[in-house]
Amino acid sequence: MPYLILFLAVAFETIGTTALQASQQFSRPGPSAVVVVAYAVSFVLLGWALKFLPVGIAYAIWSGLGIVLIALIGLVVFGQRLDLPAVLGMAMILGGILVIHLFSGTAAAR
C-alpha cells in the first residue's frame, strides 16, 4: 500500500509539472490552478508514504520517476527532444529505482 500511495504522489507531481509548463509562467489561470492543487496532493501523498518508507528511498523513487515521466511527457506533448545522453541518464535513473526496489532491504515498507 505505501508504494501505491507513493506512485499516486508521483502521478500528481507529474500532472503538476506538466501543468506548470502549460501555465506559461502562471499567466494562464486554469493550468496555474492545476499546478497548485496537483503539487499539494502530491506532497500530502508523499507525506503519507513517508509513514511507511524511509525518506531517502521514497524521495529517490518520487523524484526519479518524476524526471523520467516528465521527460516523456515533454517529448510526446510538448515536442521536446531528448538526445542519447539524456535517454541513457534516464535509463540509469530507472535502473537505480529498480535496484532499490528489488534488492535493497532498506526499501521494505515498515
Protein backbone atom coordinates (compact mmCIF):
# COMPACT_ATOMS: atom_id res chain seq x y z
CA MET A 1 0.00 0.00 0.00
CA PRO A 2 2.78 2.54 0.71
CA TYR A 3 4.11 2.08 -2.82
CA LEU A 4 0.66 2.69 -4.29
CA ILE A 5 0.45 5.94 -2.31
CA LEU A 6 3.96 6.85 -3.49
CA PHE A 7 3.09 6.14 -7.15
CA LEU A 8 -0.03 8.29 -6.81
CA ALA A 9 2.20 11.05 -5.41
CA VAL A 10 4.43 10.69 -8.48
CA ALA A 11 1.38 10.87 -10.76
CA PHE A 12 0.15 14.10 -9.15
CA GLU A 13 3.66 15.60 -9.23
CA THR A 14 3.82 14.76 -12.93
CA ILE A 15 0.41 16.35 -13.53
CA GLY A 16 1.54 19.45 -11.64
CA THR A 17 4.78 19.78 -13.56
CA THR A 18 3.01 19.28 -16.89
CA ALA A 19 0.52 21.97 -15.92
CA LEU A 20 3.44 24.20 -14.89
CA GLN A 21 4.70 24.10 -18.46
CA ALA A 22 1.18 24.70 -19.78
CA SER A 23 0.61 27.63 -17.38
CA GLN A 24 3.16 29.72 -19.31
CA GLN A 25 4.80 31.18 -16.20
CA PHE A 26 1.48 31.29 -14.31
CA SER A 27 -0.10 33.57 -16.92
CA ARG A 28 -2.94 31.11 -17.62
CA PRO A 29 -5.31 30.66 -14.64
CA GLY A 30 -6.59 27.14 -15.40
CA PRO A 31 -3.23 25.37 -15.65
CA SER A 32 -1.91 27.52 -12.79
CA ALA A 33 -4.68 26.23 -10.51
CA VAL A 34 -3.90 22.66 -11.58
CA VAL A 35 -0.24 23.23 -10.60
CA VAL A 36 -1.15 24.31 -7.08
CA VAL A 37 -3.71 21.56 -6.48
CA ALA A 38 -1.63 18.77 -8.03
CA TYR A 39 1.51 19.69 -6.09
CA ALA A 40 -0.47 19.95 -2.86
CA VAL A 41 -1.99 16.50 -3.38
CA SER A 42 1.41 15.11 -4.35
CA PHE A 43 3.08 16.39 -1.18
CA VAL A 44 0.26 15.10 1.03
CA LEU A 45 0.54 11.66 -0.57
CA LEU A 46 4.33 11.73 -0.30
CA GLY A 47 3.94 12.58 3.38
CA TRP A 48 1.63 9.61 3.89
CA ALA A 49 4.09 7.31 2.11
CA LEU A 50 6.83 8.53 4.48
CA LYS A 51 4.94 6.96 7.38
CA PHE A 52 5.98 3.59 5.95
CA LEU A 53 9.04 4.19 3.74
CA PRO A 54 12.43 5.72 4.55
CA VAL A 55 12.65 9.29 3.28
CA GLY A 56 15.73 8.64 1.12
CA ILE A 57 14.11 5.70 -0.66
CA ALA A 58 10.73 7.41 -1.09
CA TYR A 59 12.30 10.60 -2.40
CA ALA A 60 14.61 8.73 -4.79
CA ILE A 61 11.62 6.94 -6.30
CA TRP A 62 9.39 10.05 -6.30
CA SER A 63 11.94 12.30 -7.94
CA GLY A 64 13.44 9.68 -10.27
CA LEU A 65 10.12 8.53 -11.70
CA GLY A 66 9.01 12.14 -11.93
CA ILE A 67 12.07 13.03 -14.01
CA VAL A 68 11.51 10.18 -16.43
CA LEU A 69 7.76 10.73 -16.77
CA ILE A 70 8.14 14.48 -17.30
CA ALA A 71 10.80 13.90 -19.95
CA LEU A 72 8.47 11.51 -21.76
CA ILE A 73 5.55 13.94 -21.49
CA GLY A 74 7.81 16.74 -22.73
CA LEU A 75 8.69 14.58 -25.71
CA VAL A 76 5.14 13.50 -26.58
CA VAL A 77 3.06 16.54 -25.57
CA PHE A 78 5.43 19.48 -25.99
CA GLY A 79 7.70 18.14 -28.74
CA GLN A 80 10.84 18.50 -26.64
CA ARG A 81 13.62 16.27 -27.97
CA LEU A 82 15.88 14.01 -25.93
CA ASP A 83 19.41 13.24 -27.06
CA LEU A 84 21.21 9.97 -26.41
CA PRO A 85 22.95 11.11 -23.19
CA ALA A 86 19.58 12.22 -21.77
CA VAL A 87 17.99 8.87 -22.63
CA LEU A 88 20.94 6.96 -21.16
CA GLY A 89 20.84 9.07 -18.00
CA MET A 90 17.13 8.41 -17.53
CA ALA A 91 17.70 4.69 -18.14
CA MET A 92 20.24 4.77 -15.32
CA ILE A 93 17.71 6.53 -13.07
CA LEU A 94 15.14 3.80 -13.79
CA GLY A 95 17.82 1.16 -13.22
CA GLY A 96 18.64 2.72 -9.86
CA ILE A 97 14.99 2.68 -8.85
CA LEU A 98 14.75 -0.99 -9.82
CA VAL A 99 17.89 -1.85 -7.84
CA ILE A 100 16.48 -0.09 -4.78
CA HIS A 101 13.10 -1.76 -5.13
CA LEU A 102 14.30 -5.26 -5.94
CA PHE A 103 17.48 -5.62 -3.90
CA SER A 104 17.56 -3.14 -1.03
CA GLY A 105 16.36 -4.20 2.38
CA THR A 106 16.12 -0.51 3.19
CA ALA A 107 13.24 -0.16 0.72
CA ALA A 108 10.96 -2.51 2.65
CA ALA A 109 7.84 -0.83 4.00
CA ARG A 110 7.62 -0.65 7.78
